[in-house]
Amino acid sequence: MNYTVLAYTAYLMLTIGLTMWVAHTLFKNGQVFLVEIFGGQEELASSVNRLLVVGFYLINIGYAVYTLESMGAVANTVQVFKELSRSVGSIILILGGMHFLNLFIFFELRKRAKNRLA
């Protein structure tokens, strides 16, 4: 196995693993907000929560696969780590950004729901 294939494999495993972990965390903890936003309708909140997770997977894994090509050829072990740190770092920044975007949206929706009930 050459270094490029090793780097690609490690990159995909790391990014998909991170994406799954973040999605699970968002799914588990976002449920409470969605139930409140949807006025206690747990079935609707669960459905929307699952749809949000699917969208999250599609965006993040799609981006990870799309940017795989930008790694280029890797000739040695040092380059493997450099490319992995750059590529995985960008995915982590994107996951963090999407996490804060989700939080912002949840809090805005929650605020609107509370104003509507008041």
PDB file of N, CA and C in Angstrom:
ATOM      1  N   MET A   1       0.852  -1.177   0.000  1.00  0.00           N
ATOM      2  CA  MET A   1       0.000   0.000   0.000  1.00  0.00           C
ATOM      3  C   MET A   1       0.896   1.239   0.000  1.00  0.00           C
ATOM      4  N   ASN A   2       0.603   2.164  -0.889  1.00  0.00           N
ATOM      5  CA  ASN A   2       1.424   3.372  -0.912  1.00  0.00           C
ATOM      6  C   ASN A   2       0.898   4.409   0.088  1.00  0.00           C
ATOM      7  N   TYR A   3       1.671   5.461   0.284  1.00  0.00           N
ATOM      8  CA  TYR A   3       1.343   6.466   1.293  1.00  0.00           C
ATOM      9  C   TYR A   3       0.074   7.245   0.962  1.00  0.00           C
ATOM     10  N   THR A   4      -0.197   7.464  -0.300  1.00  0.00           N
ATOM     11  CA  THR A   4      -1.400   8.196  -0.688  1.00  0.00           C
ATOM     12  C   THR A   4      -2.646   7.416  -0.295  1.00  0.00           C
ATOM     13  N   VAL A   5      -2.662   6.135  -0.587  1.00  0.00           N
ATOM     14  CA  VAL A   5      -3.808   5.297  -0.214  1.00  0.00           C
ATOM     15  C   VAL A   5      -3.949   5.251   1.303  1.00  0.00           C
ATOM     16  N   LEU A   6      -2.840   5.162   2.005  1.00  0.00           N
ATOM     17  CA  LEU A   6      -2.870   5.174   3.467  1.00  0.00           C
ATOM     18  C   LEU A   6      -3.476   6.480   3.989  1.00  0.00           C
ATOM     19  N   ALA A   7      -3.050   7.592   3.429  1.00  0.00           N
ATOM     20  CA  ALA A   7      -3.570   8.904   3.850  1.00  0.00           C
ATOM     21  C   ALA A   7      -5.060   9.019   3.547  1.00  0.00           C
ATOM     22  N   TYR A   8      -5.483   8.602   2.364  1.00  0.00           N
ATOM     23  CA  TYR A   8      -6.901   8.664   2.002  1.00  0.00           C
ATOM     24  C   TYR A   8      -7.748   7.802   2.948  1.00  0.00           C
ATOM     25  N   THR A   9      -7.271   6.601   3.220  1.00  0.00           N
ATOM     26  CA  THR A   9      -8.012   5.686   4.090  1.00  0.00           C
ATOM     27  C   THR A   9      -8.139   6.253   5.499  1.00  0.00           C
ATOM     28  N   ALA A  10      -7.033   6.730   6.040  1.00  0.00           N
ATOM     29  CA  ALA A  10      -7.057   7.308   7.388  1.00  0.00           C
ATOM     30  C   ALA A  10      -7.966   8.536   7.426  1.00  0.00           C
ATOM     31  N   TYR A  11      -7.886   9.371   6.400  1.00  0.00           N
ATOM     32  CA  TYR A  11      -8.715  10.584   6.325  1.00  0.00           C
ATOM     33  C   TYR A  11     -10.194  10.221   6.330  1.00  0.00           C
ATOM     34  N   LEU A  12     -10.584   9.283   5.493  1.00  0.00           N
ATOM     35  CA  LEU A  12     -11.993   8.914   5.431  1.00  0.00           C
ATOM     36  C   LEU A  12     -12.468   8.288   6.740  1.00  0.00           C
ATOM     37  N   MET A  13     -11.655   7.442   7.323  1.00  0.00           N
ATOM     38  CA  MET A  13     -12.041   6.823   8.593  1.00  0.00           C
ATOM     39  C   MET A  13     -12.191   7.875   9.697  1.00  0.00           C
ATOM     40  N   LEU A  14     -11.258   8.795   9.779  1.00  0.00           N
ATOM     41  CA  LEU A  14     -11.317   9.843  10.808  1.00  0.00           C
ATOM     42  C   LEU A  14     -12.506  10.781  10.593  1.00  0.00           C
ATOM     43  N   THR A  15     -12.697  11.236   9.367  1.00  0.00           N
ATOM     44  CA  THR A  15     -13.767  12.205   9.123  1.00  0.00           C
ATOM     45  C   THR A  15     -15.147  11.576   9.265  1.00  0.00           C
ATOM     46  N   ILE A  16     -15.304  10.356   8.786  1.00  0.00           N
ATOM     47  CA  ILE A  16     -16.604   9.703   8.936  1.00  0.00           C
ATOM     48  C   ILE A  16     -16.864   9.391  10.410  1.00  0.00           C
ATOM     49  N   GLY A  17     -15.848   8.953  11.125  1.00  0.00           N
ATOM     50  CA  GLY A  17     -16.001   8.713  12.560  1.00  0.00           C
ATOM     51  C   GLY A  17     -16.367   9.971  13.330  1.00  0.00           C
ATOM     52  N   LEU A  18     -15.669  11.062  13.053  1.00  0.00           N
ATOM     53  CA  LEU A  18     -15.980  12.341  13.702  1.00  0.00           C
ATOM     54  C   LEU A  18     -17.389  12.812  13.361  1.00  0.00           C
ATOM     55  N   THR A  19     -17.753  12.688  12.103  1.00  0.00           N
ATOM     56  CA  THR A  19     -19.087  13.106  11.671  1.00  0.00           C
ATOM     57  C   THR A  19     -20.165  12.300  12.388  1.00  0.00           C
ATOM     58  N   MET A  20     -19.956  11.003  12.502  1.00  0.00           N
ATOM     59  CA  MET A  20     -20.937  10.161  13.179  1.00  0.00           C
ATOM     60  C   MET A  20     -21.040  10.520  14.664  1.00  0.00           C
ATOM     61  N   TRP A  21     -19.897  10.780  15.301  1.00  0.00           N
ATOM     62  CA  TRP A  21     -19.913  11.138  16.715  1.00  0.00           C
ATOM     63  C   TRP A  21     -20.645  12.469  16.940  1.00  0.00           C
ATOM     64  N   VAL A  22     -20.334  13.471  16.125  1.00  0.00           N
ATOM     65  CA  VAL A  22     -20.980  14.774  16.271  1.00  0.00           C
ATOM     66  C   VAL A  22     -22.473  14.659  15.970  1.00  0.00           C
ATOM     67  N   ALA A  23     -22.826  13.921  14.919  1.00  0.00           N
ATOM     68  CA  ALA A  23     -24.243  13.757  14.574  1.00  0.00           C
ATOM     69  C   ALA A  23     -25.005  13.077  15.710  1.00  0.00           C
ATOM     70  N   HIS A  24     -24.415  12.059  16.294  1.00  0.00           N
ATOM     71  CA  HIS A  24     -25.067  11.359  17.411  1.00  0.00           C
ATOM     72  C   HIS A  24     -25.260  12.308  18.595  1.00  0.00           C
ATOM     73  N   THR A  25     -24.242  13.089  18.892  1.00  0.00           N
ATOM     74  CA  THR A  25     -24.326  14.039  20.004  1.00  0.00           C
ATOM     75  C   THR A  25     -25.405  15.084  19.744  1.00  0.00           C
ATOM     76  N   LEU A  26     -25.433  15.621  18.533  1.00  0.00           N
ATOM     77  CA  LEU A  26     -26.465  16.601  18.186  1.00  0.00           C
ATOM     78  C   LEU A  26     -27.854  15.980  18.243  1.00  0.00           C
ATOM     79  N   PHE A  27     -27.980  14.764  17.731  1.00  0.00           N
ATOM     80  CA  PHE A  27     -29.274  14.079  17.728  1.00  0.00           C
ATOM     81  C   PHE A  27     -29.783  13.871  19.152  1.00  0.00           C
ATOM     82  N   LYS A  28     -28.923  13.361  19.995  1.00  0.00           N
ATOM     83  CA  LYS A  28     -29.306  13.049  21.372  1.00  0.00           C
ATOM     84  C   LYS A  28     -29.669  14.304  22.155  1.00  0.00           C
ATOM     85  N   ASN A  29     -28.858  15.339  22.037  1.00  0.00           N
ATOM     86  CA  ASN A  29     -29.074  16.543  22.842  1.00  0.00           C
ATOM     87  C   ASN A  29     -30.017  17.543  22.189  1.00  0.00           C
ATOM     88  N   GLY A  30     -30.193  17.476  20.885  1.00  0.00           N
ATOM     89  CA  GLY A  30     -31.095  18.400  20.205  1.00  0.00           C
ATOM     90  C   GLY A  30     -32.555  18.028  20.359  1.00  0.00           C
ATOM     91  N   GLN A  31     -32.829  16.791  20.718  1.00  0.00           N
ATOM     92  CA  GLN A  31     -34.202  16.312  20.854  1.00  0.00           C
ATOM     93  C   GLN A  31     -34.999  17.165  21.837  1.00  0.00           C
ATOM     94  N   VAL A  32     -34.388  17.522  22.951  1.00  0.00           N
ATOM     95  CA  VAL A  32     -35.070  18.318  23.985  1.00  0.00           C
ATOM     96  C   VAL A  32     -35.523  19.657  23.422  1.00  0.00           C
ATOM     97  N   PHE A  33     -34.651  20.318  22.669  1.00  0.00           N
ATOM     98  CA  PHE A  33     -34.999  21.609  22.072  1.00  0.00           C
ATOM     99  C   PHE A  33     -36.137  21.457  21.069  1.00  0.00           C
ATOM    100  N   LEU A  34     -36.064  20.425  20.260  1.00  0.00           N
ATOM    101  CA  LEU A  34     -37.089  20.242  19.237  1.00  0.00           C
ATOM    102  C   LEU A  34     -38.453  19.925  19.837  1.00  0.00           C
ATOM    103  N   VAL A  35     -38.473  19.150  20.903  1.00  0.00           N
ATOM    104  CA  VAL A  35     -39.749  18.863  21.568  1.00  0.00           C
ATOM    105  C   VAL A  35     -40.367  20.160  22.074  1.00  0.00           C
ATOM    106  N   GLU A  36     -39.547  21.019  22.657  1.00  0.00           N
ATOM    107  CA  GLU A  36     -40.064  22.300  23.146  1.00  0.00           C
ATOM    108  C   GLU A  36     -40.507  23.195  21.994  1.00  0.00           C
ATOM    109  N   ILE A  37     -39.714  23.230  20.924  1.00  0.00           N
ATOM    110  CA  ILE A  37     -40.046  24.057  19.761  1.00  0.00           C
ATOM    111  C   ILE A  37     -41.384  23.637  19.155  1.00  0.00           C
ATOM    112  N   PHE A  38     -41.615  22.328  19.118  1.00  0.00           N
ATOM    113  CA  PHE A  38     -42.834  21.809  18.501  1.00  0.00           C
ATOM    114  C   PHE A  38     -43.948  21.572  19.511  1.00  0.00           C
ATOM    115  N   GLY A  39     -43.898  22.296  20.614  1.00  0.00           N
ATOM    116  CA  GLY A  39     -44.991  22.284  21.584  1.00  0.00           C
ATOM    117  C   GLY A  39     -45.264  20.924  22.207  1.00  0.00           C
ATOM    118  N   GLY A  40     -44.231  20.165  22.479  1.00  0.00           N
ATOM    119  CA  GLY A  40     -44.407  18.879  23.134  1.00  0.00           C
ATOM    120  C   GLY A  40     -44.750  17.728  22.207  1.00  0.00           C
ATOM    121  N   GLN A  41     -44.797  17.980  20.924  1.00  0.00           N
ATOM    122  CA  GLN A  41     -45.110  16.916  19.959  1.00  0.00           C
ATOM    123  C   GLN A  41     -43.844  16.086  19.702  1.00  0.00           C
ATOM    124  N   GLU A  42     -43.668  15.051  20.516  1.00  0.00           N
ATOM    125  CA  GLU A  42     -42.431  14.268  20.465  1.00  0.00           C
ATOM    126  C   GLU A  42     -42.227  13.546  19.137  1.00  0.00           C
ATOM    127  N   GLU A  43     -43.301  13.047  18.555  1.00  0.00           N
ATOM    128  CA  GLU A  43     -43.166  12.328  17.282  1.00  0.00           C
ATOM    129  C   GLU A  43     -42.674  13.262  16.175  1.00  0.00           C
ATOM    130  N   LEU A  44     -43.230  14.461  16.123  1.00  0.00           N
ATOM    131  CA  LEU A  44     -42.791  15.440  15.130  1.00  0.00           C
ATOM    132  C   LEU A  44     -41.353  15.861  15.391  1.00  0.00           C
ATOM    133  N   ALA A  45     -41.013  16.094  16.651  1.00  0.00           N
ATOM    134  CA  ALA A  45     -39.648  16.483  17.011  1.00  0.00           C
ATOM    135  C   ALA A  45     -38.656  15.388  16.631  1.00  0.00           C
ATOM    136  N   SER A  46     -38.998  14.140  16.889  1.00  0.00           N
ATOM    137  CA  SER A  46     -38.110  13.024  16.537  1.00  0.00           C
ATOM    138  C   SER A  46     -37.920  12.914  15.033  1.00  0.00           C
ATOM    139  N   SER A  47     -38.991  13.114  14.308  1.00  0.00           N
ATOM    140  CA  SER A  47     -38.912  13.048  12.849  1.00  0.00           C
ATOM    141  C   SER A  47     -38.008  14.146  12.295  1.00  0.00           C
ATOM    142  N   VAL A  48     -38.202  15.360  12.765  1.00  0.00           N
ATOM    143  CA  VAL A  48     -37.370  16.477  12.316  1.00  0.00           C
ATOM    144  C   VAL A  48     -35.917  16.246  12.731  1.00  0.00           C
ATOM    145  N   ASN A  49     -35.708  15.723  13.919  1.00  0.00           N
ATOM    146  CA  ASN A  49     -34.362  15.455  14.403  1.00  0.00           C
ATOM    147  C   ASN A  49     -33.651  14.447  13.503  1.00  0.00           C
ATOM    148  N   ARG A  50     -34.346  13.383  13.109  1.00  0.00           N
ATOM    149  CA  ARG A  50     -33.742  12.394  12.208  1.00  0.00           C
ATOM    150  C   ARG A  50     -33.424  13.012  10.845  1.00  0.00           C
ATOM    151  N   LEU A  51     -34.312  13.857  10.343  1.00  0.00           N
ATOM    152  CA  LEU A  51     -34.059  14.523   9.066  1.00  0.00           C
ATOM    153  C   LEU A  51     -32.848  15.457   9.148  1.00  0.00           C
ATOM    154  N   LEU A  52     -32.707  16.142  10.268  1.00  0.00           N
ATOM    155  CA  LEU A  52     -31.541  17.013  10.460  1.00  0.00           C
ATOM    156  C   LEU A  52     -30.247  16.201  10.469  1.00  0.00           C
ATOM    157  N   VAL A  53     -30.273  15.033  11.096  1.00  0.00           N
ATOM    158  CA  VAL A  53     -29.084  14.177  11.141  1.00  0.00           C
ATOM    159  C   VAL A  53     -28.730  13.688   9.741  1.00  0.00           C
ATOM    160  N   VAL A  54     -29.732  13.304   8.962  1.00  0.00           N
ATOM    161  CA  VAL A  54     -29.462  12.852   7.590  1.00  0.00           C
ATOM    162  C   VAL A  54     -28.822  13.978   6.783  1.00  0.00           C
ATOM    163  N   GLY A  55     -29.355  15.180   6.895  1.00  0.00           N
ATOM    164  CA  GLY A  55     -28.767  16.327   6.197  1.00  0.00           C
ATOM    165  C   GLY A  55     -27.349  16.602   6.658  1.00  0.00           C
ATOM    166  N   PHE A  56     -27.122  16.476   7.943  1.00  0.00           N
ATOM    167  CA  PHE A  56     -25.795  16.681   8.510  1.00  0.00           C
ATOM    168  C   PHE A  56     -24.807  15.679   7.930  1.00  0.00           C
ATOM    169  N   TYR A  57     -25.218  14.403   7.879  1.00  0.00           N
ATOM    170  CA  TYR A  57     -24.362  13.371   7.279  1.00  0.00           C
ATOM    171  C   TYR A  57     -24.072  13.681   5.814  1.00  0.00           C
ATOM    172  N   LEU A  58     -25.095  14.014   5.068  1.00  0.00           N
ATOM    173  CA  LEU A  58     -24.914  14.265   3.641  1.00  0.00           C
ATOM    174  C   LEU A  58     -23.946  15.419   3.387  1.00  0.00           C
ATOM    175  N   ILE A  59     -24.108  16.490   4.115  1.00  0.00           N
ATOM    176  CA  ILE A  59     -23.235  17.648   3.916  1.00  0.00           C
ATOM    177  C   ILE A  59     -21.797  17.335   4.310  1.00  0.00           C
ATOM    178  N   ASN A  60     -21.605  16.778   5.484  1.00  0.00           N
ATOM    179  CA  ASN A  60     -20.249  16.567   5.986  1.00  0.00           C
ATOM    180  C   ASN A  60     -19.509  15.443   5.274  1.00  0.00           C
ATOM    181  N   ILE A  61     -20.154  14.325   5.083  1.00  0.00           N
ATOM    182  CA  ILE A  61     -19.482  13.224   4.394  1.00  0.00           C
ATOM    183  C   ILE A  61     -19.296  13.573   2.923  1.00  0.00           C
ATOM    184  N   GLY A  62     -20.276  14.244   2.348  1.00  0.00           N
ATOM    185  CA  GLY A  62     -20.127  14.702   0.965  1.00  0.00           C
ATOM    186  C   GLY A  62     -18.943  15.638   0.807  1.00  0.00           C
ATOM    187  N   TYR A  63     -18.801  16.569   1.730  1.00  0.00           N
ATOM    188  CA  TYR A  63     -17.665  17.492   1.669  1.00  0.00           C
ATOM    189  C   TYR A  63     -16.347  16.754   1.860  1.00  0.00           C
ATOM    190  N   ALA A  64     -16.324  15.805   2.782  1.00  0.00           N
ATOM    191  CA  ALA A  64     -15.098  15.043   3.037  1.00  0.00           C
ATOM    192  C   ALA A  64     -14.665  14.273   1.799  1.00  0.00           C
ATOM    193  N   VAL A  65     -15.612  13.636   1.140  1.00  0.00           N
ATOM    194  CA  VAL A  65     -15.288  12.874  -0.068  1.00  0.00           C
ATOM    195  C   VAL A  65     -14.886  13.817  -1.196  1.00  0.00           C
ATOM    196  N   TYR A  66     -15.598  14.938  -1.308  1.00  0.00           N
ATOM    197  CA  TYR A  66     -15.300  15.914  -2.360  1.00  0.00           C
ATOM    198  C   TYR A  66     -13.889  16.476  -2.219  1.00  0.00           C
ATOM    199  N   THR A  67     -13.463  16.737  -1.003  1.00  0.00           N
ATOM    200  CA  THR A  67     -12.145  17.337  -0.782  1.00  0.00           C
ATOM    201  C   THR A  67     -11.019  16.311  -0.728  1.00  0.00           C
ATOM    202  N   LEU A  68     -11.366  15.056  -0.803  1.00  0.00           N
ATOM    203  CA  LEU A  68     -10.345  14.007  -0.781  1.00  0.00           C
ATOM    204  C   LEU A  68      -9.313  14.219  -1.878  1.00  0.00           C
ATOM    205  N   GLU A  69      -9.770  14.648  -3.022  1.00  0.00           N
ATOM    206  CA  GLU A  69      -8.883  14.867  -4.162  1.00  0.00           C
ATOM    207  C   GLU A  69      -7.847  15.957  -3.897  1.00  0.00           C
ATOM    208  N   SER A  70      -8.175  16.903  -3.046  1.00  0.00           N
ATOM    209  CA  SER A  70      -7.257  18.016  -2.801  1.00  0.00           C
ATOM    210  C   SER A  70      -6.004  17.603  -2.047  1.00  0.00           C
ATOM    211  N   MET A  71      -5.982  16.398  -1.513  1.00  0.00           N
ATOM    212  CA  MET A  71      -4.796  15.930  -0.801  1.00  0.00           C
ATOM    213  C   MET A  71      -3.609  15.766  -1.739  1.00  0.00           C
ATOM    214  N   GLY A  72      -3.836  15.277  -2.908  1.00  0.00           N
ATOM    215  CA  GLY A  72      -2.732  15.056  -3.824  1.00  0.00           C
ATOM    216  C   GLY A  72      -1.917  13.832  -3.442  1.00  0.00           C
ATOM    217  N   ALA A  73      -0.790  13.674  -4.088  1.00  0.00           N
ATOM    218  CA  ALA A  73       0.072  12.517  -3.831  1.00  0.00           C
ATOM    219  C   ALA A  73       0.842  12.721  -2.533  1.00  0.00           C
ATOM    220  N   VAL A  74       1.033  11.630  -1.811  1.00  0.00           N
ATOM    221  CA  VAL A  74       1.761  11.651  -0.545  1.00  0.00           C
ATOM    222  C   VAL A  74       2.936  10.692  -0.682  1.00  0.00           C
ATOM    223  N   ALA A  75       4.140  11.187  -0.407  1.00  0.00           N
ATOM    224  CA  ALA A  75       5.339  10.406  -0.691  1.00  0.00           C
ATOM    225  C   ALA A  75       5.980   9.742   0.527  1.00  0.00           C
ATOM    226  N   ASN A  76       5.665  10.243   1.733  1.00  0.00           N
ATOM    227  CA  ASN A  76       6.302   9.654   2.912  1.00  0.00           C
ATOM    228  C   ASN A  76       5.417   9.819   4.142  1.00  0.00           C
ATOM    229  N   THR A  77       5.853   9.256   5.242  1.00  0.00           N
ATOM    230  CA  THR A  77       5.069   9.268   6.479  1.00  0.00           C
ATOM    231  C   THR A  77       4.835  10.679   7.002  1.00  0.00           C
ATOM    232  N   VAL A  78       5.823  11.521   6.897  1.00  0.00           N
ATOM    233  CA  VAL A  78       5.674  12.905   7.365  1.00  0.00           C
ATOM    234  C   VAL A  78       4.573  13.607   6.575  1.00  0.00           C
ATOM    235  N   GLN A  79       4.559  13.416   5.273  1.00  0.00           N
ATOM    236  CA  GLN A  79       3.510  14.026   4.451  1.00  0.00           C
ATOM    237  C   GLN A  79       2.134  13.460   4.788  1.00  0.00           C
ATOM    238  N   VAL A  80       2.067  12.184   5.137  1.00  0.00           N
ATOM    239  CA  VAL A  80       0.788  11.599   5.545  1.00  0.00           C
ATOM    240  C   VAL A  80       0.227  12.392   6.719  1.00  0.00           C
ATOM    241  N   PHE A  81       1.047  12.623   7.726  1.00  0.00           N
ATOM    242  CA  PHE A  81       0.582  13.351   8.909  1.00  0.00           C
ATOM    243  C   PHE A  81       0.272  14.812   8.605  1.00  0.00           C
ATOM    244  N   LYS A  82       1.051  15.450   7.763  1.00  0.00           N
ATOM    245  CA  LYS A  82       0.777  16.836   7.384  1.00  0.00           C
ATOM    246  C   LYS A  82      -0.556  16.946   6.643  1.00  0.00           C
ATOM    247  N   GLU A  83      -0.760  16.072   5.678  1.00  0.00           N
ATOM    248  CA  GLU A  83      -2.005  16.107   4.909  1.00  0.00           C
ATOM    249  C   GLU A  83      -3.202  15.756   5.780  1.00  0.00           C
ATOM    250  N   LEU A  84      -3.036  14.760   6.648  1.00  0.00           N
ATOM    251  CA  LEU A  84      -4.131  14.399   7.541  1.00  0.00           C
ATOM    252  C   LEU A  84      -4.476  15.536   8.492  1.00  0.00           C
ATOM    253  N   SER A  85      -3.464  16.198   9.032  1.00  0.00           N
ATOM    254  CA  SER A  85      -3.747  17.292   9.965  1.00  0.00           C
ATOM    255  C   SER A  85      -4.462  18.440   9.264  1.00  0.00           C
ATOM    256  N   ARG A  86      -4.049  18.755   8.047  1.00  0.00           N
ATOM    257  CA  ARG A  86      -4.712  19.828   7.296  1.00  0.00           C
ATOM    258  C   ARG A  86      -6.135  19.442   6.923  1.00  0.00           C
ATOM    259  N   SER A  87      -6.295  18.253   6.387  1.00  0.00           N
ATOM    260  CA  SER A  87      -7.613  17.828   5.911  1.00  0.00           C
ATOM    261  C   SER A  87      -8.584  17.554   7.051  1.00  0.00           C
ATOM    262  N   VAL A  88      -8.135  16.839   8.059  1.00  0.00           N
ATOM    263  CA  VAL A  88      -9.007  16.551   9.201  1.00  0.00           C
ATOM    264  C   VAL A  88      -9.287  17.842   9.973  1.00  0.00           C
ATOM    265  N   GLY A  89      -8.301  18.707  10.070  1.00  0.00           N
ATOM    266  CA  GLY A  89      -8.518  19.998  10.726  1.00  0.00           C
ATOM    267  C   GLY A  89      -9.606  20.811  10.053  1.00  0.00           C
ATOM    268  N   SER A  90      -9.639  20.807   8.729  1.00  0.00           N
ATOM    269  CA  SER A  90     -10.687  21.561   8.031  1.00  0.00           C
ATOM    270  C   SER A  90     -12.052  20.934   8.281  1.00  0.00           C
ATOM    271  N   ILE A  91     -12.114  19.611   8.336  1.00  0.00           N
ATOM    272  CA  ILE A  91     -13.391  18.949   8.631  1.00  0.00           C
ATOM    273  C   ILE A  91     -13.848  19.281  10.048  1.00  0.00           C
ATOM    274  N   ILE A  92     -12.919  19.295  10.996  1.00  0.00           N
ATOM    275  CA  ILE A  92     -13.274  19.626  12.379  1.00  0.00           C
ATOM    276  C   ILE A  92     -13.808  21.053  12.465  1.00  0.00           C
ATOM    277  N   LEU A  93     -13.180  21.969  11.751  1.00  0.00           N
ATOM    278  CA  LEU A  93     -13.673  23.355  11.739  1.00  0.00           C
ATOM    279  C   LEU A  93     -15.078  23.434  11.142  1.00  0.00           C
ATOM    280  N   ILE A  94     -15.318  22.683  10.091  1.00  0.00           N
ATOM    281  CA  ILE A  94     -16.646  22.680   9.468  1.00  0.00           C
ATOM    282  C   ILE A  94     -17.672  22.063  10.413  1.00  0.00           C
ATOM    283  N   LEU A  95     -17.318  20.942  11.051  1.00  0.00           N
ATOM    284  CA  LEU A  95     -18.237  20.323  12.016  1.00  0.00           C
ATOM    285  C   LEU A  95     -18.542  21.289  13.158  1.00  0.00           C
ATOM    286  N   GLY A  96     -17.525  21.984  13.648  1.00  0.00           N
ATOM    287  CA  GLY A  96     -17.748  22.966  14.706  1.00  0.00           C
ATOM    288  C   GLY A  96     -18.653  24.088  14.251  1.00  0.00           C
ATOM    289  N   GLY A  97     -18.415  24.573  13.048  1.00  0.00           N
ATOM    290  CA  GLY A  97     -19.272  25.627  12.492  1.00  0.00           C
ATOM    291  C   GLY A  97     -20.710  25.161  12.340  1.00  0.00           C
ATOM    292  N   MET A  98     -20.893  23.951  11.848  1.00  0.00           N
ATOM    293  CA  MET A  98     -22.253  23.428  11.703  1.00  0.00           C
ATOM    294  C   MET A  98     -22.908  23.205  13.065  1.00  0.00           C
ATOM    295  N   HIS A  99     -22.126  22.816  14.044  1.00  0.00           N
ATOM    296  CA  HIS A  99     -22.653  22.643  15.395  1.00  0.00           C
ATOM    297  C   HIS A  99     -23.190  23.968  15.929  1.00  0.00           C
ATOM    298  N   PHE A 100     -22.402  25.027  15.792  1.00  0.00           N
ATOM    299  CA  PHE A 100     -22.859  26.331  16.279  1.00  0.00           C
ATOM    300  C   PHE A 100     -24.020  26.867  15.452  1.00  0.00           C
ATOM    301  N   LEU A 101     -24.045  26.573  14.172  1.00  0.00           N
ATOM    302  CA  LEU A 101     -25.196  26.957  13.350  1.00  0.00           C
ATOM    303  C   LEU A 101     -26.450  26.233  13.835  1.00  0.00           C
ATOM    304  N   ASN A 102     -26.333  24.932  14.116  1.00  0.00           N
ATOM    305  CA  ASN A 102     -27.475  24.183  14.654  1.00  0.00           C
ATOM    306  C   ASN A 102     -27.944  24.775  15.973  1.00  0.00           C
ATOM    307  N   LEU A 103     -26.999  25.088  16.863  1.00  0.00           N
ATOM    308  CA  LEU A 103     -27.379  25.680  18.145  1.00  0.00           C
ATOM    309  C   LEU A 103     -28.094  27.011  17.949  1.00  0.00           C
ATOM    310  N   PHE A 104     -27.568  27.842  17.074  1.00  0.00           N
ATOM    311  CA  PHE A 104     -28.189  29.137  16.806  1.00  0.00           C
ATOM    312  C   PHE A 104     -29.610  28.946  16.295  1.00  0.00           C
ATOM    313  N   ILE A 105     -29.791  28.036  15.357  1.00  0.00           N
ATOM    314  CA  ILE A 105     -31.121  27.786  14.797  1.00  0.00           C
ATOM    315  C   ILE A 105     -32.067  27.264  15.877  1.00  0.00           C
ATOM    316  N   PHE A 106     -31.585  26.303  16.686  1.00  0.00           N
ATOM    317  CA  PHE A 106     -32.424  25.770  17.758  1.00  0.00           C
ATOM    318  C   PHE A 106     -32.848  26.864  18.733  1.00  0.00           C
ATOM    319  N   PHE A 107     -31.909  27.716  19.147  1.00  0.00           N
ATOM    320  CA  PHE A 107     -32.252  28.768  20.097  1.00  0.00           C
ATOM    321  C   PHE A 107     -33.200  29.794  19.485  1.00  0.00           C
ATOM    322  N   GLU A 108     -33.015  30.103  18.219  1.00  0.00           N
ATOM    323  CA  GLU A 108     -33.940  31.032  17.549  1.00  0.00           C
ATOM    324  C   GLU A 108     -35.337  30.430  17.459  1.00  0.00           C
ATOM    325  N   LEU A 109     -35.418  29.176  17.070  1.00  0.00           N
ATOM    326  CA  LEU A 109     -36.720  28.513  16.991  1.00  0.00           C
ATOM    327  C   LEU A 109     -37.372  28.403  18.364  1.00  0.00           C
ATOM    328  N   ARG A 110     -36.565  28.128  19.367  1.00  0.00           N
ATOM    329  CA  ARG A 110     -37.075  28.024  20.735  1.00  0.00           C
ATOM    330  C   ARG A 110     -37.618  29.372  21.205  1.00  0.00           C
ATOM    331  N   LYS A 111     -36.869  30.433  20.892  1.00  0.00           N
ATOM    332  CA  LYS A 111     -37.304  31.779  21.280  1.00  0.00           C
ATOM    333  C   LYS A 111     -38.635  32.120  20.593  1.00  0.00           C
ATOM    334  N   ARG A 112     -38.760  31.800  19.326  1.00  0.00           N
ATOM    335  CA  ARG A 112     -40.006  32.070  18.599  1.00  0.00           C
ATOM    336  C   ARG A 112     -41.165  31.266  19.173  1.00  0.00           C
ATOM    337  N   ALA A 113     -40.896  30.000  19.515  1.00  0.00           N
ATOM    338  CA  ALA A 113     -41.943  29.165  20.076  1.00  0.00           C
ATOM    339  C   ALA A 113     -42.417  29.718  21.413  1.00  0.00           C
ATOM    340  N   LYS A 114     -41.497  30.180  22.230  1.00  0.00           N
ATOM    341  CA  LYS A 114     -41.868  30.756  23.527  1.00  0.00           C
ATOM    342  C   LYS A 114     -42.651  32.052  23.340  1.00  0.00           C
ATOM    343  N   ASN A 115     -42.257  32.882  22.376  1.00  0.00           N
ATOM    344  CA  ASN A 115     -42.988  34.121  22.102  1.00  0.00           C
ATOM    345  C   ASN A 115     -44.384  33.840  21.578  1.00  0.00           C
ATOM    346  N   ARG A 116     -44.503  32.789  20.800  1.00  0.00           N
ATOM    347  CA  ARG A 116     -45.797  32.427  20.244  1.00  0.00           C
ATOM    348  C   ARG A 116     -46.746  31.955  21.351  1.00  0.00           C
ATOM    349  N   LEU A 117     -46.214  31.253  22.349  1.00  0.00           N
ATOM    350  CA  LEU A 117     -47.036  30.753  23.431  1.00  0.00           C
ATOM    351  C   LEU A 117     -47.369  31.837  24.454  1.00  0.00           C
ATOM    352  N   ALA A 118     -46.566  32.890  24.512  1.00  0.00           N
ATOM    353  CA  ALA A 118     -46.777  33.940  25.520  1.00  0.00           C
ATOM    354  C   ALA A 118     -47.884  34.895  25.149  1.00  0.00           C
TER     355      ALA A 118
END
